[in-house]
Structure formats: structure tokens, C-alpha cells
Amino acid sequence: MGNSKSVDLSKVDDPVLPQSSDPNHLLSYPHSEEKKEKLFKDNNFLNSMQSMERGDGCLCDFHMYDKKGMLDDDAILIISKEILQRAEKIKILKIQFSLNQSFTDEGLTYLALAIRSLPKLTSLSLYLTETNVSDKGVQRLMEAIRGNQNLCGIEIGLSETKINDSSLLYIAQTLYIQNNIYLFNFGIQCNPIITEKGFNYLFDGLKCLKKCKEMNLMLAARGMSFNDKNFKDLGKAFTSLDKIEKLVLAFHNCQISDSGLKAFGGIIKKVNSLKFLDLSIHNSKATFEGWRSFREGYAKNLDGGVFTD
């Protein structure tokens, strides 16, 4: 059984990112010119580059699935340099480098260094599903995020990566510091070494988001199914948020039962600011009767809602 005791999120480790007085020192890192030439011939990469050149260049959108084995750490370095060279323009950064086992903590460190040097960044979306990223990379990414007080929207997807409970602690510590965000999306699925302890770290972090209006969570961990107790603890975290208006929650291969649904409904209806709830629970212990009771007893308190099993 994991430890449900709250942790002191104010105690953050010493800096782990390379330190430099020059915000552009990443540009001096050596990269492969052959790799750069290949990247600039890839249509997905070129489309992403064009997204940075449109209008005032405030949006940078890299959406690349690695089917050719091209997005290794050296390629991520090149992309990070391209981002950094537009640092004064970028306000919205969207990155999706999925299905890429050649992307490791080294590559995430390059991205973190670039993110740390974006003074106008207000929204960060980073999805790294099925990459080789672990706690070390997440720790460096969170350090970069904590250095940017302009961020008001954060989306992070780390499904099927190498992270464990420590990454959820780093994320929770960041939410404690970065508590002015109004949008938070986070997903982990099929991560084999996330335990109840990690979920509790995350819940403690969520309690800090006093200004958050919209939240999207997808939680599932192989070998550690999300259960009734976790569901109730999550609901209790939401009662700390008096600005939250929209929740989208998805749980897969979980142990949530009718009892858990009832308890969650009883807790969540105390969140007076909530207007819309999208609740999706797949492969659970909940029955038709449990869902019916939940809909009838709780859904009537909302302006809108979607409930699926």
C-alpha cells in the first residue's frame, strides 16, 4: 500500500539543467549536418517550421511521429536550436514526438534548455508517448517550466515512457510553484512503475492550482490499477479548486466500482464552480446500476456532462 501522507512540495532539488549566463548557449552544442539536411527534407518537419513563420510567429507546432527512425536526440537538438532562434516570438509551443524510442532524456534536456529561454511563452503542450524518456528528463523539463512565470497553460503526455513515481513528484512540485495556470492537461497510461505513492504526489500538486479553470486527466498504470481510494482522493483534491469549471477525466483498466462512483459523486458535487464533467471509465468494476445512480444523483447539478464506460 502506498503512502498517502502529503509531502512538502516547496522542497525542490538543486538545479539539474546545465547553467549558463548566456540564454543562447544551446546554439553552441555540436550537431550532425547530415541529420539537419535530412530533417529539412521531411515534409512533417517543414510543415512544423512553416508554423513558426506564419503571422507573427507566436505559434510553434511540431507534430511528428517517428516512423523513419529519424527523431533521435541529435535531431531533437537541431529542432531545439530552431525553436531557440525564434525565442522572442514564440508564445505557444506544441510538440508531439510520439512512437520514438530514440528520443531519450538527452533529447528532452535539449528541449528543456530551449523552453527555459522562451520569455514570452504562455502555453506549452508536450506529448511524448512511447518514447524512452525517464525521470531524469522529466526533472529537467520541470525545472525549465518552473523558470517561466508567464505560463498559464500546460499539457503533458507521458504514456508508455520509462517514468516512475519520482516524475509525478517533480510535476507536483512544479504545480506548487507554477500555480497561476488556468489549463492543465496530463496523461499517463501503461507506465509499469507508477504506484499509489505517485498518484498521491500528483493529487497534492493538483490542490495547488487555485486559478485553474479547465483540467484534463488520463490516468492508468499497468500493474497498479486506479481504484476506489485513488478515485476518492482525486475528488478530494478537486474540492480545493474554487475556480475549476470543466473536468475531463479518463481511467482505463481500473478497479473503480459502484461504491467508488458513489463516493466520487458525493465529493465532486461539493465543487460549486464546476459546470461540465466528462467522465470516462473503461474496463472497470462499475455496473450499469452504479452509472445510473451516478448520473441521476450527480449529473443534475451540472450545466453539461458526458459519462461513458
C-alpha atoms as a PDB file:
ATOM      1  CA  MET A   1       0.000   0.000   0.000  1.00  0.00           C
ATOM      2  CA  GLY A   2       1.376   3.407  -0.947  1.00  0.00           C
ATOM      3  CA  ASN A   3       1.915   6.239   1.486  1.00  0.00           C
ATOM      4  CA  SER A   4      -0.962   8.735   1.343  1.00  0.00           C
ATOM      5  CA  LYS A   5       0.772  11.274   3.568  1.00  0.00           C
ATOM      6  CA  SER A   6       1.203  14.680   1.944  1.00  0.00           C
ATOM      7  CA  VAL A   7       4.704  15.799   1.005  1.00  0.00           C
ATOM      8  CA  ASP A   8       6.311  19.231   1.279  1.00  0.00           C
ATOM      9  CA  LEU A   9       6.216  20.359  -2.353  1.00  0.00           C
ATOM     10  CA  SER A  10       8.235  23.501  -1.569  1.00  0.00           C
ATOM     11  CA  LYS A  11      11.425  21.434  -1.166  1.00  0.00           C
ATOM     12  CA  VAL A  12      12.788  21.333  -4.711  1.00  0.00           C
ATOM     13  CA  ASP A  13      16.129  19.723  -5.588  1.00  0.00           C
ATOM     14  CA  ASP A  14      19.140  21.783  -6.674  1.00  0.00           C
ATOM     15  CA  PRO A  15      19.226  22.760 -10.390  1.00  0.00           C
ATOM     16  CA  VAL A  16      19.975  19.875 -12.739  1.00  0.00           C
ATOM     17  CA  LEU A  17      19.914  21.730 -16.063  1.00  0.00           C
ATOM     18  CA  PRO A  18      23.262  22.995 -17.399  1.00  0.00           C
ATOM     19  CA  GLN A  19      23.711  26.546 -16.122  1.00  0.00           C
ATOM     20  CA  SER A  20      24.971  29.456 -18.220  1.00  0.00           C
ATOM     21  CA  SER A  21      24.709  33.238 -18.181  1.00  0.00           C
ATOM     22  CA  ASP A  22      24.088  33.082 -21.940  1.00  0.00           C
ATOM     23  CA  PRO A  23      20.471  32.020 -22.684  1.00  0.00           C
ATOM     24  CA  ASN A  24      21.553  31.005 -26.191  1.00  0.00           C
ATOM     25  CA  HIS A  25      24.397  28.703 -25.164  1.00  0.00           C
ATOM     26  CA  LEU A  26      22.440  25.721 -26.525  1.00  0.00           C
ATOM     27  CA  LEU A  27      23.264  27.037 -30.022  1.00  0.00           C
ATOM     28  CA  SER A  28      26.920  26.157 -29.428  1.00  0.00           C
ATOM     29  CA  TYR A  29      26.176  22.449 -28.949  1.00  0.00           C
ATOM     30  CA  PRO A  30      27.505  20.442 -31.936  1.00  0.00           C
ATOM     31  CA  HIS A  31      25.047  18.587 -34.179  1.00  0.00           C
ATOM     32  CA  SER A  32      25.173  16.461 -37.310  1.00  0.00           C
ATOM     33  CA  GLU A  33      24.863  18.484 -40.513  1.00  0.00           C
ATOM     34  CA  GLU A  34      23.824  15.307 -42.305  1.00  0.00           C
ATOM     35  CA  LYS A  35      20.959  14.888 -39.842  1.00  0.00           C
ATOM     36  CA  LYS A  36      19.939  18.512 -40.323  1.00  0.00           C
ATOM     37  CA  GLU A  37      19.869  18.059 -44.096  1.00  0.00           C
ATOM     38  CA  LYS A  38      17.579  15.025 -43.744  1.00  0.00           C
ATOM     39  CA  LEU A  39      15.261  16.891 -41.400  1.00  0.00           C
ATOM     40  CA  PHE A  40      14.856  19.768 -43.819  1.00  0.00           C
ATOM     41  CA  LYS A  41      13.728  17.302 -46.479  1.00  0.00           C
ATOM     42  CA  ASP A  42      10.987  15.816 -44.258  1.00  0.00           C
ATOM     43  CA  ASN A  43       7.507  17.177 -45.004  1.00  0.00           C
ATOM     44  CA  ASN A  44       6.316  16.994 -41.393  1.00  0.00           C
ATOM     45  CA  PHE A  45       9.363  18.906 -40.237  1.00  0.00           C
ATOM     46  CA  LEU A  46       8.942  21.516 -42.964  1.00  0.00           C
ATOM     47  CA  ASN A  47       5.273  21.967 -42.056  1.00  0.00           C
ATOM     48  CA  SER A  48       6.279  22.484 -38.446  1.00  0.00           C
ATOM     49  CA  MET A  49       8.882  25.029 -39.469  1.00  0.00           C
ATOM     50  CA  GLN A  50       6.308  26.886 -41.519  1.00  0.00           C
ATOM     51  CA  SER A  51       4.031  27.101 -38.481  1.00  0.00           C
ATOM     52  CA  MET A  52       6.702  29.238 -36.819  1.00  0.00           C
ATOM     53  CA  GLU A  53       6.917  31.598 -39.776  1.00  0.00           C
ATOM     54  CA  ARG A  54       3.210  32.321 -40.185  1.00  0.00           C
ATOM     55  CA  GLY A  55       1.856  35.626 -38.928  1.00  0.00           C
ATOM     56  CA  ASP A  56       3.869  36.976 -36.042  1.00  0.00           C
ATOM     57  CA  GLY A  57       5.449  33.571 -35.389  1.00  0.00           C
ATOM     58  CA  CYS A  58       3.814  33.212 -31.988  1.00  0.00           C
ATOM     59  CA  LEU A  59       2.833  29.548 -32.626  1.00  0.00           C
ATOM     60  CA  CYS A  60       5.392  26.757 -32.915  1.00  0.00           C
ATOM     61  CA  ASP A  61       3.749  23.398 -33.672  1.00  0.00           C
ATOM     62  CA  PHE A  62       5.891  20.263 -34.137  1.00  0.00           C
ATOM     63  CA  HIS A  63       3.728  17.200 -34.767  1.00  0.00           C
ATOM     64  CA  MET A  64       5.962  14.333 -35.839  1.00  0.00           C
ATOM     65  CA  TYR A  65       5.530  10.585 -35.457  1.00  0.00           C
ATOM     66  CA  ASP A  66       8.852   8.861 -35.921  1.00  0.00           C
ATOM     67  CA  LYS A  67       8.213   6.123 -38.469  1.00  0.00           C
ATOM     68  CA  LYS A  68      11.597   6.522 -40.136  1.00  0.00           C
ATOM     69  CA  GLY A  69      13.850   6.373 -37.085  1.00  0.00           C
ATOM     70  CA  MET A  70      14.834   9.973 -37.703  1.00  0.00           C
ATOM     71  CA  LEU A  71      13.986  11.690 -34.426  1.00  0.00           C
ATOM     72  CA  ASP A  72      16.951  10.717 -32.283  1.00  0.00           C
ATOM     73  CA  ASP A  73      18.486  13.045 -29.703  1.00  0.00           C
ATOM     74  CA  ASP A  74      20.645  14.766 -32.318  1.00  0.00           C
ATOM     75  CA  ALA A  75      17.532  15.635 -34.341  1.00  0.00           C
ATOM     76  CA  ILE A  76      15.874  16.952 -31.165  1.00  0.00           C
ATOM     77  CA  LEU A  77      18.935  19.164 -30.619  1.00  0.00           C
ATOM     78  CA  ILE A  78      18.533  20.626 -34.110  1.00  0.00           C
ATOM     79  CA  ILE A  79      14.826  21.240 -33.541  1.00  0.00           C
ATOM     80  CA  SER A  80      15.551  22.810 -30.139  1.00  0.00           C
ATOM     81  CA  LYS A  81      18.002  25.202 -31.792  1.00  0.00           C
ATOM     82  CA  GLU A  82      15.392  26.197 -34.380  1.00  0.00           C
ATOM     83  CA  ILE A  83      12.967  26.934 -31.540  1.00  0.00           C
ATOM     84  CA  LEU A  84      15.565  28.907 -29.614  1.00  0.00           C
ATOM     85  CA  GLN A  85      16.416  31.060 -32.633  1.00  0.00           C
ATOM     86  CA  ARG A  86      12.788  32.270 -32.548  1.00  0.00           C
ATOM     87  CA  ALA A  87      12.680  32.662 -28.763  1.00  0.00           C
ATOM     88  CA  GLU A  88      11.456  36.262 -28.759  1.00  0.00           C
ATOM     89  CA  LYS A  89       8.399  35.409 -30.880  1.00  0.00           C
ATOM     90  CA  ILE A  90       7.081  32.110 -29.551  1.00  0.00           C
ATOM     91  CA  LYS A  91       4.095  32.311 -27.213  1.00  0.00           C
ATOM     92  CA  ILE A  92       2.573  28.888 -27.890  1.00  0.00           C
ATOM     93  CA  LEU A  93       4.722  25.772 -28.173  1.00  0.00           C
ATOM     94  CA  LYS A  94       3.138  22.465 -29.229  1.00  0.00           C
ATOM     95  CA  ILE A  95       5.332  19.383 -29.552  1.00  0.00           C
ATOM     96  CA  GLN A  96       4.260  15.818 -30.234  1.00  0.00           C
ATOM     97  CA  PHE A  97       7.156  13.399 -30.763  1.00  0.00           C
ATOM     98  CA  SER A  98       5.433  10.060 -30.332  1.00  0.00           C
ATOM     99  CA  LEU A  99       6.399   6.474 -31.232  1.00  0.00           C
ATOM    100  CA  ASN A 100      10.060   7.306 -30.898  1.00  0.00           C
ATOM    101  CA  GLN A 101      12.340   5.050 -28.821  1.00  0.00           C
ATOM    102  CA  SER A 102      15.397   7.013 -29.980  1.00  0.00           C
ATOM    103  CA  PHE A 103      14.210  10.050 -28.027  1.00  0.00           C
ATOM    104  CA  THR A 104      15.855   9.857 -24.573  1.00  0.00           C
ATOM    105  CA  ASP A 105      16.493  12.117 -21.597  1.00  0.00           C
ATOM    106  CA  GLU A 106      19.313  13.760 -23.543  1.00  0.00           C
ATOM    107  CA  GLY A 107      16.862  14.974 -26.175  1.00  0.00           C
ATOM    108  CA  LEU A 108      14.396  16.151 -23.522  1.00  0.00           C
ATOM    109  CA  THR A 109      17.234  18.097 -21.888  1.00  0.00           C
ATOM    110  CA  TYR A 110      17.809  19.969 -25.168  1.00  0.00           C
ATOM    111  CA  LEU A 111      14.109  20.809 -25.349  1.00  0.00           C
ATOM    112  CA  ALA A 112      14.120  21.915 -21.712  1.00  0.00           C
ATOM    113  CA  LEU A 113      17.014  24.294 -22.375  1.00  0.00           C
ATOM    114  CA  ALA A 114      15.092  25.815 -25.280  1.00  0.00           C
ATOM    115  CA  ILE A 115      11.869  26.083 -23.246  1.00  0.00           C
ATOM    116  CA  ARG A 116      13.719  27.798 -20.413  1.00  0.00           C
ATOM    117  CA  SER A 117      14.797  30.527 -22.846  1.00  0.00           C
ATOM    118  CA  LEU A 118      11.345  31.441 -24.235  1.00  0.00           C
ATOM    119  CA  PRO A 119      10.467  34.659 -22.367  1.00  0.00           C
ATOM    120  CA  LYS A 120       7.012  35.115 -23.952  1.00  0.00           C
ATOM    121  CA  LEU A 121       5.833  31.501 -23.677  1.00  0.00           C
ATOM    122  CA  THR A 122       2.293  31.303 -22.262  1.00  0.00           C
ATOM    123  CA  SER A 123       1.181  27.826 -23.404  1.00  0.00           C
ATOM    124  CA  LEU A 124       3.188  24.584 -23.550  1.00  0.00           C
ATOM    125  CA  SER A 125       1.909  21.307 -24.992  1.00  0.00           C
ATOM    126  CA  LEU A 126       4.347  18.390 -24.927  1.00  0.00           C
ATOM    127  CA  TYR A 127       3.297  14.820 -25.795  1.00  0.00           C
ATOM    128  CA  LEU A 128       5.999  12.141 -25.716  1.00  0.00           C
ATOM    129  CA  THR A 129       4.023   8.886 -25.901  1.00  0.00           C
ATOM    130  CA  GLU A 130       6.135   5.741 -26.400  1.00  0.00           C
ATOM    131  CA  THR A 131       9.473   7.499 -26.058  1.00  0.00           C
ATOM    132  CA  ASN A 132      12.485   6.460 -23.977  1.00  0.00           C
ATOM    133  CA  VAL A 133      12.135   9.369 -21.544  1.00  0.00           C
ATOM    134  CA  SER A 134      12.657   8.702 -17.818  1.00  0.00           C
ATOM    135  CA  ASP A 135      12.640  10.606 -14.509  1.00  0.00           C
ATOM    136  CA  LYS A 136      15.905  12.404 -15.249  1.00  0.00           C
ATOM    137  CA  GLY A 137      14.478  14.046 -18.355  1.00  0.00           C
ATOM    138  CA  VAL A 138      11.203  14.962 -16.648  1.00  0.00           C
ATOM    139  CA  GLN A 139      13.115  16.530 -13.754  1.00  0.00           C
ATOM    140  CA  ARG A 140      14.988  18.766 -16.205  1.00  0.00           C
ATOM    141  CA  LEU A 141      11.819  19.660 -18.072  1.00  0.00           C
ATOM    142  CA  MET A 142      10.049  20.646 -14.848  1.00  0.00           C
ATOM    143  CA  GLU A 143      12.980  22.841 -13.858  1.00  0.00           C
ATOM    144  CA  ALA A 144      12.653  24.663 -17.180  1.00  0.00           C
ATOM    145  CA  ILE A 145       8.896  25.118 -16.704  1.00  0.00           C
ATOM    146  CA  ARG A 146       9.336  26.478 -13.185  1.00  0.00           C
ATOM    147  CA  GLY A 147      11.595  29.181 -14.613  1.00  0.00           C
ATOM    148  CA  ASN A 148       8.789  30.624 -16.746  1.00  0.00           C
ATOM    149  CA  GLN A 149       6.195  32.537 -14.746  1.00  0.00           C
ATOM    150  CA  ASN A 150       4.249  33.579 -17.860  1.00  0.00           C
ATOM    151  CA  LEU A 151       2.954  30.051 -18.475  1.00  0.00           C
ATOM    152  CA  CYS A 152      -0.787  29.752 -17.954  1.00  0.00           C
ATOM    153  CA  GLY A 153      -1.461  26.550 -19.912  1.00  0.00           C
ATOM    154  CA  ILE A 154       0.428  23.241 -19.557  1.00  0.00           C
ATOM    155  CA  GLU A 155      -0.295  19.949 -21.342  1.00  0.00           C
ATOM    156  CA  ILE A 156       1.994  16.952 -20.795  1.00  0.00           C
ATOM    157  CA  GLY A 157       1.585  13.395 -22.063  1.00  0.00           C
ATOM    158  CA  LEU A 158       3.983  10.722 -20.806  1.00  0.00           C
ATOM    159  CA  SER A 159       2.158   7.483 -21.596  1.00  0.00           C
ATOM    160  CA  GLU A 160       4.281   4.375 -22.173  1.00  0.00           C
ATOM    161  CA  THR A 161       7.521   6.033 -21.119  1.00  0.00           C
ATOM    162  CA  LYS A 162      10.115   4.999 -18.504  1.00  0.00           C
ATOM    163  CA  ILE A 163       8.942   7.328 -15.742  1.00  0.00           C
ATOM    164  CA  ASN A 164       8.061   6.284 -12.200  1.00  0.00           C
ATOM    165  CA  ASP A 165       6.722   7.974  -9.071  1.00  0.00           C
ATOM    166  CA  SER A 166       9.611  10.461  -8.954  1.00  0.00           C
ATOM    167  CA  SER A 167       8.376  12.139 -12.142  1.00  0.00           C
ATOM    168  CA  LEU A 168       4.964  12.732 -10.576  1.00  0.00           C
ATOM    169  CA  LEU A 169       6.708  14.332  -7.600  1.00  0.00           C
ATOM    170  CA  TYR A 170       8.650  16.670  -9.936  1.00  0.00           C
ATOM    171  CA  ILE A 171       5.399  17.582 -11.687  1.00  0.00           C
ATOM    172  CA  ALA A 172       3.633  18.199  -8.357  1.00  0.00           C
ATOM    173  CA  GLN A 173       6.480  20.449  -7.190  1.00  0.00           C
ATOM    174  CA  THR A 174       6.135  22.412 -10.417  1.00  0.00           C
ATOM    175  CA  LEU A 175       2.386  22.843  -9.941  1.00  0.00           C
ATOM    176  CA  TYR A 176       3.078  24.151  -6.429  1.00  0.00           C
ATOM    177  CA  ILE A 177       5.316  26.877  -7.883  1.00  0.00           C
ATOM    178  CA  GLN A 178       3.502  27.372 -11.216  1.00  0.00           C
ATOM    179  CA  ASN A 179       0.142  27.770  -9.521  1.00  0.00           C
ATOM    180  CA  ASN A 180      -1.178  30.550 -11.765  1.00  0.00           C
ATOM    181  CA  ILE A 181      -2.053  28.246 -14.674  1.00  0.00           C
ATOM    182  CA  TYR A 182      -5.672  28.065 -15.800  1.00  0.00           C
ATOM    183  CA  LEU A 183      -5.372  24.988 -18.065  1.00  0.00           C
ATOM    184  CA  PHE A 184      -3.723  21.713 -17.063  1.00  0.00           C
ATOM    185  CA  ASN A 185      -3.817  18.501 -19.110  1.00  0.00           C
ATOM    186  CA  PHE A 186      -1.862  15.416 -18.092  1.00  0.00           C
ATOM    187  CA  GLY A 187      -1.821  11.795 -19.195  1.00  0.00           C
ATOM    188  CA  ILE A 188      -0.062   8.586 -18.188  1.00  0.00           C
ATOM    189  CA  GLN A 189      -1.134   5.203 -19.447  1.00  0.00           C
ATOM    190  CA  CYS A 190       0.606   1.816 -19.413  1.00  0.00           C
ATOM    191  CA  ASN A 191       3.510   3.139 -17.347  1.00  0.00           C
ATOM    192  CA  PRO A 192       4.540  -0.011 -15.455  1.00  0.00           C
ATOM    193  CA  ILE A 193       6.124   1.558 -12.374  1.00  0.00           C
ATOM    194  CA  ILE A 194       3.612   4.194 -11.261  1.00  0.00           C
ATOM    195  CA  THR A 195       2.220   3.340  -7.816  1.00  0.00           C
ATOM    196  CA  GLU A 196      -0.306   4.812  -5.412  1.00  0.00           C
ATOM    197  CA  LYS A 197       2.505   6.924  -3.968  1.00  0.00           C
ATOM    198  CA  GLY A 198       2.954   8.615  -7.345  1.00  0.00           C
ATOM    199  CA  PHE A 199      -0.772   9.267  -7.703  1.00  0.00           C
ATOM    200  CA  ASN A 200      -0.771  10.921  -4.265  1.00  0.00           C
ATOM    201  CA  TYR A 201       2.105  13.192  -5.303  1.00  0.00           C
ATOM    202  CA  LEU A 202       0.057  14.266  -8.303  1.00  0.00           C
ATOM    203  CA  PHE A 203      -3.086  14.878  -6.241  1.00  0.00           C
ATOM    204  CA  ASP A 204      -1.117  17.090  -3.824  1.00  0.00           C
ATOM    205  CA  GLY A 205       0.087  19.095  -6.808  1.00  0.00           C
ATOM    206  CA  LEU A 206      -3.413  19.477  -8.246  1.00  0.00           C
ATOM    207  CA  LYS A 207      -4.587  21.048  -4.976  1.00  0.00           C
ATOM    208  CA  CYS A 208      -2.229  23.972  -5.658  1.00  0.00           C
ATOM    209  CA  LEU A 209      -3.913  25.018  -8.925  1.00  0.00           C
ATOM    210  CA  LYS A 210      -6.218  27.581  -7.347  1.00  0.00           C
ATOM    211  CA  LYS A 211      -6.665  29.529 -10.605  1.00  0.00           C
ATOM    212  CA  CYS A 212      -7.218  26.522 -12.864  1.00  0.00           C
ATOM    213  CA  LYS A 213     -10.484  26.592 -14.844  1.00  0.00           C
ATOM    214  CA  GLU A 214     -10.050  23.531 -17.049  1.00  0.00           C
ATOM    215  CA  MET A 215      -8.337  20.195 -16.402  1.00  0.00           C
ATOM    216  CA  ASN A 216      -7.979  17.004 -18.433  1.00  0.00           C
ATOM    217  CA  LEU A 217      -6.537  13.879 -16.792  1.00  0.00           C
ATOM    218  CA  MET A 218      -5.991  10.410 -18.265  1.00  0.00           C
ATOM    219  CA  LEU A 219      -4.685   8.036 -15.618  1.00  0.00           C
ATOM    220  CA  ALA A 220      -3.847   4.363 -15.886  1.00  0.00           C
ATOM    221  CA  ALA A 221      -0.826   2.389 -14.772  1.00  0.00           C
ATOM    222  CA  ARG A 222      -0.015  -1.183 -15.752  1.00  0.00           C
ATOM    223  CA  GLY A 223       0.162  -3.343 -12.639  1.00  0.00           C
ATOM    224  CA  MET A 224      -1.280  -0.593 -10.424  1.00  0.00           C
ATOM    225  CA  SER A 225      -4.919  -0.110 -11.328  1.00  0.00           C
ATOM    226  CA  PHE A 226      -6.664   3.076 -10.338  1.00  0.00           C
ATOM    227  CA  ASN A 227      -9.045   2.071  -7.524  1.00  0.00           C
ATOM    228  CA  ASP A 228     -11.881   3.462  -5.395  1.00  0.00           C
ATOM    229  CA  LYS A 229      -9.493   5.001  -2.854  1.00  0.00           C
ATOM    230  CA  ASN A 230      -7.498   6.765  -5.583  1.00  0.00           C
ATOM    231  CA  PHE A 231     -10.763   7.992  -7.110  1.00  0.00           C
ATOM    232  CA  LYS A 232     -11.944   9.427  -3.783  1.00  0.00           C
ATOM    233  CA  ASP A 233      -8.554  11.072  -3.112  1.00  0.00           C
ATOM    234  CA  LEU A 234      -8.690  12.696  -6.555  1.00  0.00           C
ATOM    235  CA  GLY A 235     -12.169  14.003  -5.826  1.00  0.00           C
ATOM    236  CA  LYS A 236     -10.954  15.493  -2.552  1.00  0.00           C
ATOM    237  CA  ALA A 237      -8.172  17.284  -4.447  1.00  0.00           C
ATOM    238  CA  PHE A 238     -10.762  18.931  -6.677  1.00  0.00           C
ATOM    239  CA  THR A 239     -12.581  20.353  -3.636  1.00  0.00           C
ATOM    240  CA  SER A 240      -9.538  22.618  -3.148  1.00  0.00           C
ATOM    241  CA  LEU A 241     -10.181  24.287  -6.523  1.00  0.00           C
ATOM    242  CA  ASP A 242     -12.810  27.029  -6.401  1.00  0.00           C
ATOM    243  CA  LYS A 243     -12.235  28.244  -9.981  1.00  0.00           C
ATOM    244  CA  ILE A 244     -12.485  24.914 -11.828  1.00  0.00           C
ATOM    245  CA  GLU A 245     -15.299  24.885 -14.403  1.00  0.00           C
ATOM    246  CA  LYS A 246     -14.511  21.934 -16.678  1.00  0.00           C
ATOM    247  CA  LEU A 247     -13.104  18.488 -15.892  1.00  0.00           C
ATOM    248  CA  VAL A 248     -12.337  15.759 -18.420  1.00  0.00           C
ATOM    249  CA  LEU A 249     -11.329  12.522 -16.673  1.00  0.00           C
ATOM    250  CA  ALA A 250     -10.458   9.170 -18.251  1.00  0.00           C
ATOM    251  CA  PHE A 251      -9.461   5.956 -16.468  1.00  0.00           C
ATOM    252  CA  HIS A 252      -8.529   2.726 -18.256  1.00  0.00           C
ATOM    253  CA  ASN A 253      -8.230  -0.831 -16.918  1.00  0.00           C
ATOM    254  CA  CYS A 254      -9.120   0.361 -13.441  1.00  0.00           C
ATOM    255  CA  GLN A 255     -10.676  -1.064 -10.285  1.00  0.00           C
ATOM    256  CA  ILE A 256     -13.326   1.628  -9.790  1.00  0.00           C
ATOM    257  CA  SER A 257     -16.590   0.090  -8.533  1.00  0.00           C
ATOM    258  CA  ASP A 258     -20.130   1.324  -7.882  1.00  0.00           C
ATOM    259  CA  SER A 259     -19.014   2.301  -4.387  1.00  0.00           C
ATOM    260  CA  GLY A 260     -16.204   4.431  -5.814  1.00  0.00           C
ATOM    261  CA  LEU A 261     -18.546   6.115  -8.272  1.00  0.00           C
ATOM    262  CA  LYS A 262     -20.974   6.961  -5.484  1.00  0.00           C
ATOM    263  CA  ALA A 263     -18.234   8.321  -3.227  1.00  0.00           C
ATOM    264  CA  PHE A 264     -16.711  10.394  -6.039  1.00  0.00           C
ATOM    265  CA  GLY A 265     -20.119  11.835  -6.930  1.00  0.00           C
ATOM    266  CA  GLY A 266     -20.738  12.796  -3.321  1.00  0.00           C
ATOM    267  CA  ILE A 267     -17.407  14.567  -3.117  1.00  0.00           C
ATOM    268  CA  ILE A 268     -17.318  16.249  -6.511  1.00  0.00           C
ATOM    269  CA  LYS A 269     -20.746  17.849  -6.175  1.00  0.00           C
ATOM    270  CA  LYS A 270     -19.215  19.989  -3.420  1.00  0.00           C
ATOM    271  CA  VAL A 271     -17.109  21.711  -6.115  1.00  0.00           C
ATOM    272  CA  ASN A 272     -19.559  24.557  -6.660  1.00  0.00           C
ATOM    273  CA  SER A 273     -17.685  26.166  -9.565  1.00  0.00           C
ATOM    274  CA  LEU A 274     -17.818  23.008 -11.730  1.00  0.00           C
ATOM    275  CA  LYS A 275     -20.104  23.326 -14.762  1.00  0.00           C
ATOM    276  CA  PHE A 276     -19.079  20.419 -17.002  1.00  0.00           C
ATOM    277  CA  LEU A 277     -17.749  16.930 -16.275  1.00  0.00           C
ATOM    278  CA  ASP A 278     -16.673  14.384 -18.886  1.00  0.00           C
ATOM    279  CA  LEU A 279     -16.046  11.119 -17.033  1.00  0.00           C
ATOM    280  CA  SER A 280     -14.868   8.030 -18.909  1.00  0.00           C
ATOM    281  CA  ILE A 281     -14.118   4.767 -17.083  1.00  0.00           C
ATOM    282  CA  HIS A 282     -13.141   1.723 -19.156  1.00  0.00           C
ATOM    283  CA  ASN A 283     -12.723  -1.909 -18.102  1.00  0.00           C
ATOM    284  CA  SER A 284     -13.755  -1.242 -14.511  1.00  0.00           C
ATOM    285  CA  LYS A 285     -15.892  -2.912 -11.818  1.00  0.00           C
ATOM    286  CA  ALA A 286     -18.656  -0.328 -12.161  1.00  0.00           C
ATOM    287  CA  THR A 287     -22.053  -1.691 -13.200  1.00  0.00           C
ATOM    288  CA  PHE A 288     -24.971  -0.236 -15.125  1.00  0.00           C
ATOM    289  CA  GLU A 289     -26.771   0.444 -11.840  1.00  0.00           C
ATOM    290  CA  GLY A 290     -23.758   2.272 -10.462  1.00  0.00           C
ATOM    291  CA  TRP A 291     -23.601   4.525 -13.501  1.00  0.00           C
ATOM    292  CA  ARG A 292     -27.349   5.147 -13.394  1.00  0.00           C
ATOM    293  CA  SER A 293     -27.157   6.222  -9.764  1.00  0.00           C
ATOM    294  CA  PHE A 294     -24.219   8.463 -10.532  1.00  0.00           C
ATOM    295  CA  ARG A 295     -25.986  10.157 -13.443  1.00  0.00           C
ATOM    296  CA  GLU A 296     -29.229  10.650 -11.552  1.00  0.00           C
ATOM    297  CA  GLY A 297     -27.640  11.733  -8.312  1.00  0.00           C
ATOM    298  CA  TYR A 298     -24.877  13.948  -9.583  1.00  0.00           C
ATOM    299  CA  ALA A 299     -25.280  14.935 -13.246  1.00  0.00           C
ATOM    300  CA  LYS A 300     -28.338  17.092 -12.495  1.00  0.00           C
ATOM    301  CA  ASN A 301     -26.028  19.519 -10.661  1.00  0.00           C
ATOM    302  CA  LEU A 302     -24.131  20.320 -13.882  1.00  0.00           C
ATOM    303  CA  ASP A 303     -24.754  22.531 -16.889  1.00  0.00           C
ATOM    304  CA  GLY A 304     -23.399  19.675 -19.026  1.00  0.00           C
ATOM    305  CA  GLY A 305     -21.768  16.287 -18.756  1.00  0.00           C
ATOM    306  CA  VAL A 306     -20.662  13.151 -20.613  1.00  0.00           C
ATOM    307  CA  PHE A 307     -20.442   9.818 -18.790  1.00  0.00           C
ATOM    308  CA  THR A 308     -19.183   6.663 -20.539  1.00  0.00           C
ATOM    309  CA  ASP A 309     -17.986   3.209 -19.532  1.00  0.00           C
END
